[in-house]
Amino acid sequence: MPPPERFCSLLVVVTAARAEDLRAAMEAANMQFLKAFNTPDPAGFLPLYTADAVLLFADAPPIRGPEAITRFWESRIRAGARAHTFELIETGADGKYAYQLSRAGVQLIRDSGERTPISGYTVRVFERQSDGGWKAKIHMFNRQDVP
């Protein structure tokens, strides 16, 4: 059996590598979402969510399932939401579930050309799929008013 300090060093290295892998997976999930939103390609949202996914958006009732969530994002894009961004703040995982906390931003562009920045935070809980990938199971947004 290795000395305790050697075991602890190995555990730290393995844990750090897993954290880097998880962060990379969460960054990739963000890029997939942003591509679907900013292209725009509403059909691109469908594969990002589990069959029982729930979207909780500020001032809206829960939206359930990938098809309904896709329609919701499509309605936001049609309403003038553009240039969506994510800034990953924190990630974590435990077995088959992972989460990410991100700062989110979007520009609301009205028909007149007026731009209104909207920002807030998003939390997504992901479920590991049989192929090793991650899909969003719970997606929550809040809105932070900009002065």
N, C-alpha and C. Protein backbone atom coordinates (compact mmCIF):
# COMPACT_ATOMS: atom_id res chain seq x y z
N MET A 1 0.85 -1.18 0.00
CA MET A 1 0.00 0.00 0.00
C MET A 1 0.89 1.24 0.00
N PRO A 2 0.57 2.24 -0.88
CA PRO A 2 1.42 3.45 -0.93
C PRO A 2 1.28 4.26 0.35
N PRO A 3 2.30 5.04 0.67
CA PRO A 3 2.20 5.90 1.84
C PRO A 3 1.02 6.88 1.67
N PRO A 4 0.38 7.29 2.78
CA PRO A 4 -0.82 8.14 2.69
C PRO A 4 -0.61 9.42 1.88
N GLU A 5 0.57 10.05 2.01
CA GLU A 5 0.79 11.30 1.28
C GLU A 5 0.84 11.06 -0.23
N ARG A 6 1.36 9.92 -0.66
CA ARG A 6 1.40 9.59 -2.09
C ARG A 6 0.00 9.32 -2.61
N PHE A 7 -0.81 8.61 -1.84
CA PHE A 7 -2.20 8.33 -2.21
C PHE A 7 -2.97 9.64 -2.35
N CYS A 8 -2.78 10.56 -1.41
CA CYS A 8 -3.48 11.85 -1.46
C CYS A 8 -3.07 12.65 -2.69
N SER A 9 -1.77 12.61 -3.04
CA SER A 9 -1.31 13.32 -4.24
C SER A 9 -1.96 12.75 -5.49
N LEU A 10 -2.05 11.42 -5.57
CA LEU A 10 -2.68 10.78 -6.71
C LEU A 10 -4.16 11.15 -6.79
N LEU A 11 -4.83 11.18 -5.65
CA LEU A 11 -6.25 11.54 -5.61
C LEU A 11 -6.46 12.97 -6.10
N VAL A 12 -5.59 13.89 -5.71
CA VAL A 12 -5.69 15.28 -6.15
C VAL A 12 -5.51 15.37 -7.67
N VAL A 13 -4.55 14.65 -8.23
CA VAL A 13 -4.30 14.68 -9.67
C VAL A 13 -5.50 14.11 -10.42
N VAL A 14 -6.03 12.98 -9.98
CA VAL A 14 -7.19 12.36 -10.64
C VAL A 14 -8.40 13.28 -10.54
N THR A 15 -8.64 13.85 -9.36
CA THR A 15 -9.77 14.76 -9.17
C THR A 15 -9.63 15.99 -10.06
N ALA A 16 -8.44 16.55 -10.16
CA ALA A 16 -8.22 17.72 -11.01
C ALA A 16 -8.46 17.38 -12.47
N ALA A 17 -8.01 16.22 -12.91
CA ALA A 17 -8.22 15.81 -14.31
C ALA A 17 -9.70 15.64 -14.60
N ARG A 18 -10.43 15.03 -13.68
CA ARG A 18 -11.88 14.87 -13.87
C ARG A 18 -12.57 16.22 -13.92
N ALA A 19 -12.16 17.16 -13.07
CA ALA A 19 -12.76 18.49 -13.06
C ALA A 19 -12.51 19.19 -14.39
N GLU A 20 -11.30 19.04 -14.94
CA GLU A 20 -10.99 19.64 -16.25
C GLU A 20 -11.83 19.01 -17.35
N ASP A 21 -11.99 17.68 -17.30
CA ASP A 21 -12.83 16.99 -18.29
C ASP A 21 -14.26 17.47 -18.20
N LEU A 22 -14.78 17.62 -16.97
CA LEU A 22 -16.16 18.07 -16.79
C LEU A 22 -16.31 19.50 -17.29
N ARG A 23 -15.37 20.36 -16.96
CA ARG A 23 -15.45 21.75 -17.42
C ARG A 23 -15.46 21.79 -18.95
N ALA A 24 -14.62 20.99 -19.59
CA ALA A 24 -14.58 20.94 -21.05
C ALA A 24 -15.92 20.45 -21.60
N ALA A 25 -16.52 19.45 -20.96
CA ALA A 25 -17.82 18.95 -21.41
C ALA A 25 -18.91 20.02 -21.25
N MET A 26 -18.85 20.78 -20.16
CA MET A 26 -19.85 21.84 -19.94
C MET A 26 -19.64 22.99 -20.92
N GLU A 27 -18.39 23.33 -21.22
CA GLU A 27 -18.11 24.36 -22.23
C GLU A 27 -18.64 23.90 -23.59
N ALA A 28 -18.46 22.62 -23.91
CA ALA A 28 -18.97 22.09 -25.18
C ALA A 28 -20.49 22.15 -25.22
N ALA A 29 -21.15 21.84 -24.10
CA ALA A 29 -22.61 21.93 -24.04
C ALA A 29 -23.06 23.38 -24.26
N ASN A 30 -22.33 24.32 -23.69
CA ASN A 30 -22.66 25.74 -23.89
C ASN A 30 -22.50 26.12 -25.36
N MET A 31 -21.43 25.64 -25.99
CA MET A 31 -21.21 25.97 -27.40
C MET A 31 -22.32 25.40 -28.28
N GLN A 32 -22.80 24.20 -27.98
CA GLN A 32 -23.90 23.61 -28.75
C GLN A 32 -25.16 24.47 -28.61
N PHE A 33 -25.46 24.89 -27.38
CA PHE A 33 -26.64 25.72 -27.15
C PHE A 33 -26.49 27.05 -27.89
N LEU A 34 -25.33 27.69 -27.74
CA LEU A 34 -25.12 28.99 -28.38
C LEU A 34 -25.18 28.89 -29.90
N LYS A 35 -24.69 27.80 -30.46
CA LYS A 35 -24.78 27.61 -31.91
C LYS A 35 -26.25 27.53 -32.34
N ALA A 36 -27.05 26.74 -31.61
CA ALA A 36 -28.48 26.63 -31.94
C ALA A 36 -29.18 27.98 -31.80
N PHE A 37 -28.84 28.74 -30.77
CA PHE A 37 -29.50 30.02 -30.53
C PHE A 37 -29.03 31.09 -31.52
N ASN A 38 -27.73 31.21 -31.69
CA ASN A 38 -27.18 32.35 -32.43
C ASN A 38 -27.12 32.14 -33.94
N THR A 39 -27.28 30.92 -34.43
CA THR A 39 -27.21 30.68 -35.88
C THR A 39 -28.37 31.36 -36.61
N PRO A 40 -29.60 31.38 -36.24
CA PRO A 40 -30.30 30.47 -35.35
C PRO A 40 -30.68 29.17 -36.05
N ASP A 41 -30.72 28.11 -35.24
CA ASP A 41 -31.10 26.78 -35.71
C ASP A 41 -31.93 26.11 -34.62
N PRO A 42 -33.22 26.46 -34.52
CA PRO A 42 -34.05 25.92 -33.43
C PRO A 42 -34.02 24.40 -33.32
N ALA A 43 -33.91 23.68 -34.43
CA ALA A 43 -33.86 22.22 -34.37
C ALA A 43 -32.62 21.76 -33.59
N GLY A 44 -31.61 22.60 -33.50
CA GLY A 44 -30.40 22.27 -32.77
C GLY A 44 -30.60 22.14 -31.27
N PHE A 45 -31.73 22.64 -30.75
CA PHE A 45 -32.01 22.50 -29.32
C PHE A 45 -32.47 21.10 -28.96
N LEU A 46 -33.16 20.42 -29.88
CA LEU A 46 -33.76 19.11 -29.58
C LEU A 46 -32.78 18.11 -28.96
N PRO A 47 -31.60 17.91 -29.53
CA PRO A 47 -30.70 16.89 -28.97
C PRO A 47 -30.00 17.32 -27.68
N LEU A 48 -30.22 18.54 -27.23
CA LEU A 48 -29.52 19.03 -26.04
C LEU A 48 -30.22 18.69 -24.74
N TYR A 49 -31.49 18.25 -24.83
CA TYR A 49 -32.32 18.04 -23.64
C TYR A 49 -32.77 16.59 -23.53
N THR A 50 -32.89 16.10 -22.29
CA THR A 50 -33.43 14.76 -22.05
C THR A 50 -34.92 14.76 -22.38
N ALA A 51 -35.48 13.58 -22.56
CA ALA A 51 -36.91 13.45 -22.90
C ALA A 51 -37.81 14.05 -21.82
N ASP A 52 -37.35 14.05 -20.56
CA ASP A 52 -38.15 14.59 -19.46
C ASP A 52 -37.62 15.94 -18.96
N ALA A 53 -36.89 16.65 -19.80
CA ALA A 53 -36.28 17.93 -19.41
C ALA A 53 -37.34 18.96 -19.02
N VAL A 54 -36.93 19.86 -18.13
CA VAL A 54 -37.77 20.97 -17.69
C VAL A 54 -36.97 22.25 -17.79
N LEU A 55 -37.58 23.28 -18.40
CA LEU A 55 -36.99 24.61 -18.48
C LEU A 55 -37.79 25.52 -17.56
N LEU A 56 -37.09 26.19 -16.65
CA LEU A 56 -37.70 27.17 -15.76
C LEU A 56 -37.13 28.52 -16.14
N PHE A 57 -37.97 29.36 -16.71
CA PHE A 57 -37.55 30.67 -17.19
C PHE A 57 -38.27 31.73 -16.37
N ALA A 58 -37.60 32.80 -16.03
CA ALA A 58 -38.18 33.85 -15.20
C ALA A 58 -39.57 34.24 -15.70
N ASP A 59 -40.52 34.28 -14.78
CA ASP A 59 -41.90 34.72 -15.05
C ASP A 59 -42.66 33.83 -16.03
N ALA A 60 -42.27 32.56 -16.17
CA ALA A 60 -42.97 31.64 -17.06
C ALA A 60 -43.23 30.34 -16.30
N PRO A 61 -44.33 29.65 -16.61
CA PRO A 61 -44.55 28.34 -15.99
C PRO A 61 -43.52 27.34 -16.51
N PRO A 62 -43.31 26.23 -15.82
CA PRO A 62 -42.35 25.22 -16.30
C PRO A 62 -42.69 24.75 -17.71
N ILE A 63 -41.65 24.58 -18.51
CA ILE A 63 -41.79 24.11 -19.89
C ILE A 63 -41.17 22.72 -19.91
N ARG A 64 -41.95 21.72 -20.36
CA ARG A 64 -41.52 20.33 -20.25
C ARG A 64 -41.30 19.66 -21.60
N GLY A 65 -40.17 18.98 -21.73
CA GLY A 65 -39.86 18.20 -22.91
C GLY A 65 -39.09 18.98 -23.95
N PRO A 66 -38.24 18.29 -24.71
CA PRO A 66 -37.38 18.98 -25.68
C PRO A 66 -38.15 19.70 -26.78
N GLU A 67 -39.28 19.18 -27.20
CA GLU A 67 -40.05 19.85 -28.27
C GLU A 67 -40.61 21.18 -27.77
N ALA A 68 -41.20 21.18 -26.58
CA ALA A 68 -41.75 22.42 -26.01
C ALA A 68 -40.64 23.42 -25.71
N ILE A 69 -39.51 22.93 -25.22
CA ILE A 69 -38.38 23.81 -24.93
C ILE A 69 -37.85 24.42 -26.23
N THR A 70 -37.77 23.63 -27.27
CA THR A 70 -37.34 24.13 -28.58
C THR A 70 -38.28 25.23 -29.07
N ARG A 71 -39.59 25.01 -28.94
CA ARG A 71 -40.57 26.04 -29.35
C ARG A 71 -40.38 27.32 -28.53
N PHE A 72 -40.09 27.16 -27.24
CA PHE A 72 -39.87 28.33 -26.39
C PHE A 72 -38.67 29.14 -26.89
N TRP A 73 -37.54 28.46 -27.13
CA TRP A 73 -36.35 29.19 -27.59
C TRP A 73 -36.60 29.82 -28.96
N GLU A 74 -37.30 29.12 -29.82
CA GLU A 74 -37.63 29.67 -31.13
C GLU A 74 -38.47 30.94 -30.98
N SER A 75 -39.40 30.95 -30.02
CA SER A 75 -40.23 32.16 -29.80
C SER A 75 -39.38 33.32 -29.31
N ARG A 76 -38.37 33.05 -28.50
CA ARG A 76 -37.48 34.11 -28.02
C ARG A 76 -36.65 34.68 -29.17
N ILE A 77 -36.19 33.81 -30.03
CA ILE A 77 -35.41 34.27 -31.18
C ILE A 77 -36.30 35.12 -32.09
N ARG A 78 -37.52 34.66 -32.35
CA ARG A 78 -38.46 35.44 -33.19
C ARG A 78 -38.79 36.80 -32.56
N ALA A 79 -38.76 36.87 -31.22
CA ALA A 79 -39.05 38.12 -30.52
C ALA A 79 -37.88 39.10 -30.56
N GLY A 80 -36.74 38.69 -31.14
CA GLY A 80 -35.62 39.61 -31.30
C GLY A 80 -34.42 39.33 -30.41
N ALA A 81 -34.41 38.21 -29.69
CA ALA A 81 -33.26 37.89 -28.86
C ALA A 81 -32.10 37.46 -29.75
N ARG A 82 -30.95 38.08 -29.56
CA ARG A 82 -29.77 37.82 -30.39
C ARG A 82 -28.52 37.82 -29.51
N ALA A 83 -27.45 37.31 -30.08
CA ALA A 83 -26.11 37.37 -29.49
C ALA A 83 -26.08 36.82 -28.06
N HIS A 84 -26.64 35.64 -27.88
CA HIS A 84 -26.64 34.98 -26.58
C HIS A 84 -25.21 34.63 -26.18
N THR A 85 -24.89 34.77 -24.90
CA THR A 85 -23.57 34.42 -24.39
C THR A 85 -23.71 33.64 -23.08
N PHE A 86 -22.71 32.86 -22.78
CA PHE A 86 -22.57 32.19 -21.49
C PHE A 86 -21.16 32.44 -20.99
N GLU A 87 -21.02 32.64 -19.70
CA GLU A 87 -19.71 32.68 -19.04
C GLU A 87 -19.78 31.65 -17.92
N LEU A 88 -19.10 30.55 -18.10
CA LEU A 88 -19.13 29.46 -17.13
C LEU A 88 -18.47 29.89 -15.83
N ILE A 89 -19.19 29.74 -14.73
CA ILE A 89 -18.68 30.14 -13.42
C ILE A 89 -18.25 28.93 -12.60
N GLU A 90 -19.08 27.89 -12.60
CA GLU A 90 -18.82 26.76 -11.73
C GLU A 90 -19.41 25.49 -12.32
N THR A 91 -18.75 24.36 -12.10
CA THR A 91 -19.27 23.06 -12.51
C THR A 91 -19.06 22.07 -11.37
N GLY A 92 -19.83 21.01 -11.40
CA GLY A 92 -19.67 19.93 -10.43
C GLY A 92 -20.38 18.70 -10.95
N ALA A 93 -20.02 17.55 -10.42
CA ALA A 93 -20.66 16.30 -10.84
C ALA A 93 -20.67 15.32 -9.69
N ASP A 94 -21.64 14.43 -9.74
CA ASP A 94 -21.75 13.35 -8.78
C ASP A 94 -22.41 12.18 -9.50
N GLY A 95 -21.59 11.25 -9.96
CA GLY A 95 -22.14 10.08 -10.65
C GLY A 95 -22.72 10.44 -12.00
N LYS A 96 -24.00 10.15 -12.18
CA LYS A 96 -24.60 10.37 -13.50
C LYS A 96 -25.16 11.77 -13.70
N TYR A 97 -24.99 12.65 -12.70
CA TYR A 97 -25.50 14.02 -12.82
C TYR A 97 -24.37 15.04 -12.67
N ALA A 98 -24.50 16.13 -13.41
CA ALA A 98 -23.54 17.23 -13.32
C ALA A 98 -24.34 18.53 -13.36
N TYR A 99 -23.71 19.60 -12.95
CA TYR A 99 -24.38 20.91 -13.02
C TYR A 99 -23.38 21.95 -13.50
N GLN A 100 -23.94 23.03 -13.97
CA GLN A 100 -23.12 24.20 -14.26
C GLN A 100 -23.89 25.45 -13.87
N LEU A 101 -23.15 26.42 -13.39
CA LEU A 101 -23.67 27.76 -13.11
C LEU A 101 -22.96 28.69 -14.08
N SER A 102 -23.73 29.48 -14.81
CA SER A 102 -23.17 30.40 -15.81
C SER A 102 -23.84 31.76 -15.71
N ARG A 103 -23.09 32.77 -16.08
CA ARG A 103 -23.66 34.10 -16.30
C ARG A 103 -24.13 34.09 -17.75
N ALA A 104 -25.32 34.60 -17.99
CA ALA A 104 -25.89 34.59 -19.34
C ALA A 104 -26.21 36.01 -19.77
N GLY A 105 -26.12 36.24 -21.07
CA GLY A 105 -26.48 37.54 -21.63
C GLY A 105 -27.10 37.37 -22.99
N VAL A 106 -27.90 38.34 -23.36
CA VAL A 106 -28.54 38.36 -24.67
C VAL A 106 -28.88 39.80 -25.01
N GLN A 107 -28.95 40.10 -26.28
CA GLN A 107 -29.40 41.42 -26.74
C GLN A 107 -30.82 41.26 -27.28
N LEU A 108 -31.74 42.05 -26.78
CA LEU A 108 -33.09 42.08 -27.34
C LEU A 108 -33.12 43.22 -28.34
N ILE A 109 -33.33 42.89 -29.61
CA ILE A 109 -33.33 43.89 -30.67
C ILE A 109 -34.77 44.08 -31.14
N ARG A 110 -35.29 45.26 -30.90
CA ARG A 110 -36.68 45.57 -31.26
C ARG A 110 -36.75 45.92 -32.75
N ASP A 111 -37.97 45.93 -33.29
CA ASP A 111 -38.18 46.26 -34.70
C ASP A 111 -37.60 47.63 -35.05
N SER A 112 -37.60 48.55 -34.07
CA SER A 112 -37.07 49.90 -34.29
C SER A 112 -35.54 49.92 -34.35
N GLY A 113 -34.91 48.78 -34.00
CA GLY A 113 -33.45 48.72 -33.97
C GLY A 113 -32.89 48.95 -32.57
N GLU A 114 -33.76 49.38 -31.64
CA GLU A 114 -33.32 49.61 -30.27
C GLU A 114 -32.83 48.29 -29.66
N ARG A 115 -31.67 48.38 -28.99
CA ARG A 115 -31.08 47.19 -28.36
C ARG A 115 -31.18 47.30 -26.85
N THR A 116 -31.64 46.23 -26.24
CA THR A 116 -31.72 46.18 -24.79
C THR A 116 -30.92 44.98 -24.30
N PRO A 117 -29.86 45.24 -23.54
CA PRO A 117 -29.11 44.10 -23.00
C PRO A 117 -29.88 43.46 -21.85
N ILE A 118 -29.89 42.14 -21.84
CA ILE A 118 -30.54 41.39 -20.76
C ILE A 118 -29.50 40.42 -20.23
N SER A 119 -29.38 40.37 -18.91
CA SER A 119 -28.41 39.46 -18.32
C SER A 119 -29.01 38.78 -17.11
N GLY A 120 -28.34 37.74 -16.68
CA GLY A 120 -28.78 37.00 -15.51
C GLY A 120 -27.90 35.78 -15.34
N TYR A 121 -28.44 34.79 -14.67
CA TYR A 121 -27.70 33.57 -14.41
C TYR A 121 -28.52 32.37 -14.84
N THR A 122 -27.82 31.31 -15.18
CA THR A 122 -28.48 30.07 -15.56
C THR A 122 -27.82 28.92 -14.82
N VAL A 123 -28.65 27.99 -14.41
CA VAL A 123 -28.18 26.75 -13.81
C VAL A 123 -28.74 25.63 -14.66
N ARG A 124 -27.86 24.72 -15.07
CA ARG A 124 -28.31 23.54 -15.80
C ARG A 124 -27.83 22.30 -15.07
N VAL A 125 -28.75 21.37 -14.90
CA VAL A 125 -28.43 20.06 -14.34
C VAL A 125 -28.45 19.09 -15.51
N PHE A 126 -27.35 18.38 -15.69
CA PHE A 126 -27.19 17.46 -16.81
C PHE A 126 -27.26 16.02 -16.34
N GLU A 127 -27.71 15.15 -17.24
CA GLU A 127 -27.73 13.72 -16.97
C GLU A 127 -26.81 13.04 -17.99
N ARG A 128 -25.91 12.18 -17.48
CA ARG A 128 -25.00 11.46 -18.38
C ARG A 128 -25.81 10.44 -19.18
N GLN A 129 -25.55 10.39 -20.47
CA GLN A 129 -26.25 9.49 -21.37
C GLN A 129 -25.45 8.20 -21.55
N SER A 130 -26.07 7.19 -22.10
CA SER A 130 -25.41 5.88 -22.27
C SER A 130 -24.17 5.97 -23.16
N ASP A 131 -24.11 7.00 -24.04
CA ASP A 131 -22.94 7.17 -24.89
C ASP A 131 -21.83 7.98 -24.21
N GLY A 132 -22.05 8.37 -22.94
CA GLY A 132 -21.06 9.14 -22.19
C GLY A 132 -21.25 10.64 -22.29
N GLY A 133 -22.13 11.09 -23.20
CA GLY A 133 -22.39 12.51 -23.34
C GLY A 133 -23.33 13.02 -22.26
N TRP A 134 -23.56 14.31 -22.27
CA TRP A 134 -24.42 14.96 -21.28
C TRP A 134 -25.58 15.64 -21.98
N LYS A 135 -26.78 15.56 -21.38
CA LYS A 135 -27.94 16.31 -21.86
C LYS A 135 -28.55 17.04 -20.67
N ALA A 136 -29.10 18.22 -20.95
CA ALA A 136 -29.72 19.02 -19.89
C ALA A 136 -31.04 18.38 -19.47
N LYS A 137 -31.20 18.21 -18.16
CA LYS A 137 -32.42 17.65 -17.58
C LYS A 137 -33.25 18.77 -16.94
N ILE A 138 -32.56 19.71 -16.32
CA ILE A 138 -33.20 20.87 -15.71
C ILE A 138 -32.41 22.10 -16.14
N HIS A 139 -33.12 23.11 -16.62
CA HIS A 139 -32.48 24.32 -17.13
C HIS A 139 -33.23 25.50 -16.52
N MET A 140 -32.54 26.30 -15.73
CA MET A 140 -33.18 27.43 -15.04
C MET A 140 -32.47 28.73 -15.41
N PHE A 141 -33.27 29.75 -15.68
CA PHE A 141 -32.75 31.09 -15.95
C PHE A 141 -33.38 32.07 -14.96
N ASN A 142 -32.61 33.04 -14.53
CA ASN A 142 -33.20 34.21 -13.88
C ASN A 142 -32.76 35.43 -14.68
N ARG A 143 -33.36 36.53 -14.39
CA ARG A 143 -33.05 37.76 -15.11
C ARG A 143 -32.60 38.80 -14.10
N GLN A 144 -31.54 39.48 -14.44
CA GLN A 144 -31.02 40.54 -13.60
C GLN A 144 -31.23 41.83 -14.36
N ASP A 145 -32.00 42.74 -13.79
CA ASP A 145 -32.27 44.00 -14.49
C ASP A 145 -31.01 44.83 -14.58
N VAL A 146 -30.81 45.41 -15.74
CA VAL A 146 -29.66 46.26 -16.00
C VAL A 146 -30.11 47.71 -15.83
N PRO A 147 -29.39 48.48 -14.98
CA PRO A 147 -29.81 49.88 -14.76
C PRO A 147 -29.69 50.74 -16.01
